Amino acid sequence: MHSMEFQSGFQSITDGRREHVDPVPVTREDVAARLRAHGIAPTHQRIEIAHALFERRAHLSADQILAAVNARHPEASKATVYNTLKLFLERKLIRELIVDPVKIFYDPNTTPHHHFYDVVTGELTDIPADALRIEGLPSLPPGTVAEGIDVIIRTRPLGAGEPPPGPAL
């Protein structure tokens, strides 16, 4: 299993500074093995879609994934990309990030973590899970368990059209 190759190389925030680890090359054979490990038959198009996600180690929209796949092999349809992403989500190979009702990104980093989202540039940056403390959660409805907590902190550069915000969160 090549799980370490898939988890390294993500941007993270440490003490308020950006830190980037050089990506580890991901081969299509690594991707095929990762798909099999998640119970997904590694077809050519599934491998190409997964490779686009894991090679870039970035938060990509379905349209960005489609463009990346078709830049190499112009054969994938939008429906194929969406159906494949849905399968990857169901098998927990990737995470879905809904940053607003019309912007959805797919994250190949499935370890617990949160995000900064720059509303001006659309850039998503990982925040390590241990860099955020969440307190005072409400009681869960009877008969349920928490599956996870996803925090997206929306940011914008100072002077990007609005006066500076009030006190920091």
Protein backbone atom coordinates (compact mmCIF):
# COMPACT_ATOMS: atom_id res chain seq x y z
CA MET A 1 0.00 0.00 0.00
CA HIS A 2 1.31 3.45 -0.90
CA SER A 3 -0.76 5.53 1.52
CA MET A 4 2.12 7.75 2.63
CA GLU A 5 2.67 8.90 -0.95
CA PHE A 6 -0.92 10.05 -1.13
CA GLN A 7 -0.91 11.93 2.18
CA SER A 8 2.36 13.85 1.81
CA GLY A 9 2.74 17.04 -0.15
CA PHE A 10 -0.38 18.84 1.03
CA GLN A 11 -0.23 22.48 1.99
CA SER A 12 -0.72 23.09 5.66
CA ILE A 13 -0.78 25.98 8.07
CA THR A 14 1.68 25.89 10.95
CA ASP A 15 1.91 28.79 13.41
CA GLY A 16 0.26 31.07 10.84
CA ARG A 17 2.90 30.41 8.16
CA ARG A 18 2.32 28.43 4.98
CA GLU A 19 4.38 25.33 4.72
CA HIS A 20 4.59 23.24 1.58
CA VAL A 21 6.09 19.79 1.32
CA ASP A 22 7.41 18.87 -2.12
CA PRO A 23 5.01 16.39 -3.71
CA VAL A 24 5.99 12.76 -4.07
CA PRO A 25 5.44 11.54 -7.64
CA VAL A 26 2.39 9.32 -7.92
CA THR A 27 2.42 6.68 -10.62
CA ARG A 28 -0.65 5.30 -12.30
CA GLU A 29 0.24 1.92 -10.80
CA ASP A 30 0.10 3.53 -7.32
CA VAL A 31 -3.29 5.03 -8.20
CA ALA A 32 -4.61 1.66 -9.46
CA ALA A 33 -3.49 -0.01 -6.22
CA ARG A 34 -5.18 2.74 -4.18
CA LEU A 35 -8.42 2.27 -6.14
CA ARG A 36 -8.33 -1.50 -5.56
CA ALA A 37 -7.70 -0.93 -1.84
CA HIS A 38 -10.96 1.04 -1.75
CA GLY A 39 -12.89 -1.64 -3.65
CA ILE A 40 -12.92 0.31 -6.93
CA ALA A 41 -12.17 -1.43 -10.24
CA PRO A 42 -9.28 0.56 -11.78
CA THR A 43 -10.57 1.38 -15.26
CA HIS A 44 -8.50 3.66 -17.49
CA GLN A 45 -10.74 6.68 -16.90
CA ARG A 46 -10.95 6.13 -13.12
CA ILE A 47 -7.16 5.92 -12.96
CA GLU A 48 -6.80 9.15 -14.94
CA ILE A 49 -9.34 10.99 -12.77
CA ALA A 50 -7.70 9.78 -9.54
CA HIS A 51 -4.25 10.58 -10.91
CA ALA A 52 -5.33 14.16 -11.68
CA LEU A 53 -6.41 14.55 -8.04
CA PHE A 54 -3.47 12.86 -6.33
CA GLU A 55 -0.76 14.17 -8.65
CA ARG A 56 -1.68 17.80 -7.98
CA ARG A 57 -2.46 17.29 -4.28
CA ALA A 58 -4.87 20.16 -4.59
CA HIS A 59 -8.52 20.91 -4.05
CA LEU A 60 -10.00 20.73 -7.54
CA SER A 61 -13.47 21.30 -8.93
CA ALA A 62 -15.04 18.73 -11.25
CA ASP A 63 -14.40 21.07 -14.21
CA GLN A 64 -10.72 21.39 -13.27
CA ILE A 65 -10.45 17.60 -13.01
CA LEU A 66 -12.17 17.19 -16.40
CA ALA A 67 -9.75 19.69 -17.98
CA ALA A 68 -6.72 17.94 -16.45
CA VAL A 69 -7.87 14.51 -17.62
CA ASN A 70 -8.76 15.70 -21.11
CA ALA A 71 -5.46 17.57 -21.48
CA ARG A 72 -3.79 14.16 -21.43
CA HIS A 73 -6.47 11.97 -23.06
CA PRO A 74 -9.43 13.93 -24.51
CA GLU A 75 -11.93 11.17 -23.94
CA ALA A 76 -13.64 11.80 -20.60
CA SER A 77 -17.10 13.32 -20.47
CA LYS A 78 -18.40 15.56 -17.72
CA ALA A 79 -20.85 12.81 -16.73
CA THR A 80 -17.99 10.31 -16.39
CA VAL A 81 -16.05 12.67 -14.13
CA TYR A 82 -19.09 13.40 -11.92
CA ASN A 83 -20.05 9.71 -11.70
CA THR A 84 -16.47 8.74 -10.86
CA LEU A 85 -16.18 11.45 -8.20
CA LYS A 86 -19.44 10.20 -6.68
CA LEU A 87 -18.00 6.67 -6.54
CA PHE A 88 -14.74 7.97 -5.00
CA LEU A 89 -16.79 9.81 -2.36
CA GLU A 90 -18.89 6.73 -1.55
CA ARG A 91 -15.73 4.65 -1.11
CA LYS A 92 -14.07 7.42 0.98
CA LEU A 93 -11.17 7.84 -1.43
CA ILE A 94 -11.72 11.64 -1.47
CA ARG A 95 -13.65 14.29 0.45
CA GLU A 96 -16.17 16.75 -0.94
CA LEU A 97 -15.85 20.39 0.11
CA ILE A 98 -18.89 22.58 -0.48
CA VAL A 99 -17.54 26.10 0.01
CA ASP A 100 -20.75 27.75 -1.15
CA PRO A 101 -23.86 26.48 -2.95
CA VAL A 102 -22.25 26.70 -6.40
CA LYS A 103 -18.61 25.83 -5.61
CA ILE A 104 -17.71 22.25 -4.82
CA PHE A 105 -14.11 21.01 -4.62
CA TYR A 106 -12.75 17.50 -4.21
CA ASP A 107 -9.95 16.84 -1.74
CA PRO A 108 -7.68 13.80 -2.08
CA ASN A 109 -6.53 14.26 1.53
CA THR A 110 -8.97 12.19 3.58
CA THR A 111 -7.16 12.56 6.90
CA PRO A 112 -8.97 14.75 9.46
CA HIS A 113 -8.25 18.40 8.68
CA HIS A 114 -9.97 21.74 8.04
CA HIS A 115 -9.60 24.53 5.48
CA PHE A 116 -9.06 28.21 4.84
CA TYR A 117 -11.01 29.32 1.75
CA ASP A 118 -10.01 32.58 0.05
CA VAL A 119 -13.30 33.93 -1.33
CA VAL A 120 -11.47 36.18 -3.80
CA THR A 121 -9.02 33.71 -5.36
CA GLY A 122 -10.92 30.49 -4.64
CA GLU A 123 -7.80 28.95 -3.06
CA LEU A 124 -8.28 26.29 -0.39
CA THR A 125 -5.50 25.65 2.12
CA ASP A 126 -5.37 22.76 4.56
CA ILE A 127 -5.38 23.37 8.32
CA PRO A 128 -4.16 20.44 10.43
CA ALA A 129 -6.93 19.05 12.65
CA ASP A 130 -4.86 19.61 15.79
CA ALA A 131 -4.47 23.33 14.97
CA LEU A 132 -8.15 23.93 15.75
CA ARG A 133 -10.03 23.31 19.00
CA ILE A 134 -13.80 23.02 18.84
CA GLU A 135 -15.80 23.33 22.06
CA GLY A 136 -19.45 23.50 23.00
CA LEU A 137 -20.94 21.22 20.38
CA PRO A 138 -24.65 20.52 20.80
CA SER A 139 -25.91 17.10 21.81
CA LEU A 140 -26.43 14.81 18.86
CA PRO A 141 -29.94 13.70 17.97
CA PRO A 142 -30.89 10.39 19.63
CA GLY A 143 -29.66 7.33 17.77
CA THR A 144 -26.89 9.14 15.87
CA VAL A 145 -23.09 9.36 16.06
CA ALA A 146 -20.83 12.10 14.73
CA GLU A 147 -19.08 11.08 11.53
CA GLY A 148 -16.83 14.12 11.43
CA ILE A 149 -16.57 17.89 11.63
CA ASP A 150 -15.51 19.97 8.65
CA VAL A 151 -14.57 23.59 9.30
CA ILE A 152 -14.08 26.02 6.42
CA ILE A 153 -12.82 29.45 7.44
CA ARG A 154 -13.63 31.92 4.67
CA THR A 155 -11.03 34.64 4.22
CA ARG A 156 -10.30 37.53 1.88
CA PRO A 157 -7.31 39.83 1.54
CA LEU A 158 -7.53 43.08 3.48
CA GLY A 159 -8.68 45.87 1.19
CA ALA A 160 -10.52 43.50 -1.16
CA GLY A 161 -13.52 45.80 -1.43
CA GLU A 162 -14.74 45.90 2.14
CA PRO A 163 -13.65 47.56 5.35
CA PRO A 164 -11.57 45.42 7.74
CA PRO A 165 -13.70 43.00 9.78
CA GLY A 166 -14.43 43.36 13.46
CA PRO A 167 -12.55 41.40 16.11
CA ALA A 168 -10.82 38.21 15.01
CA LEU A 169 -12.69 34.96 15.53
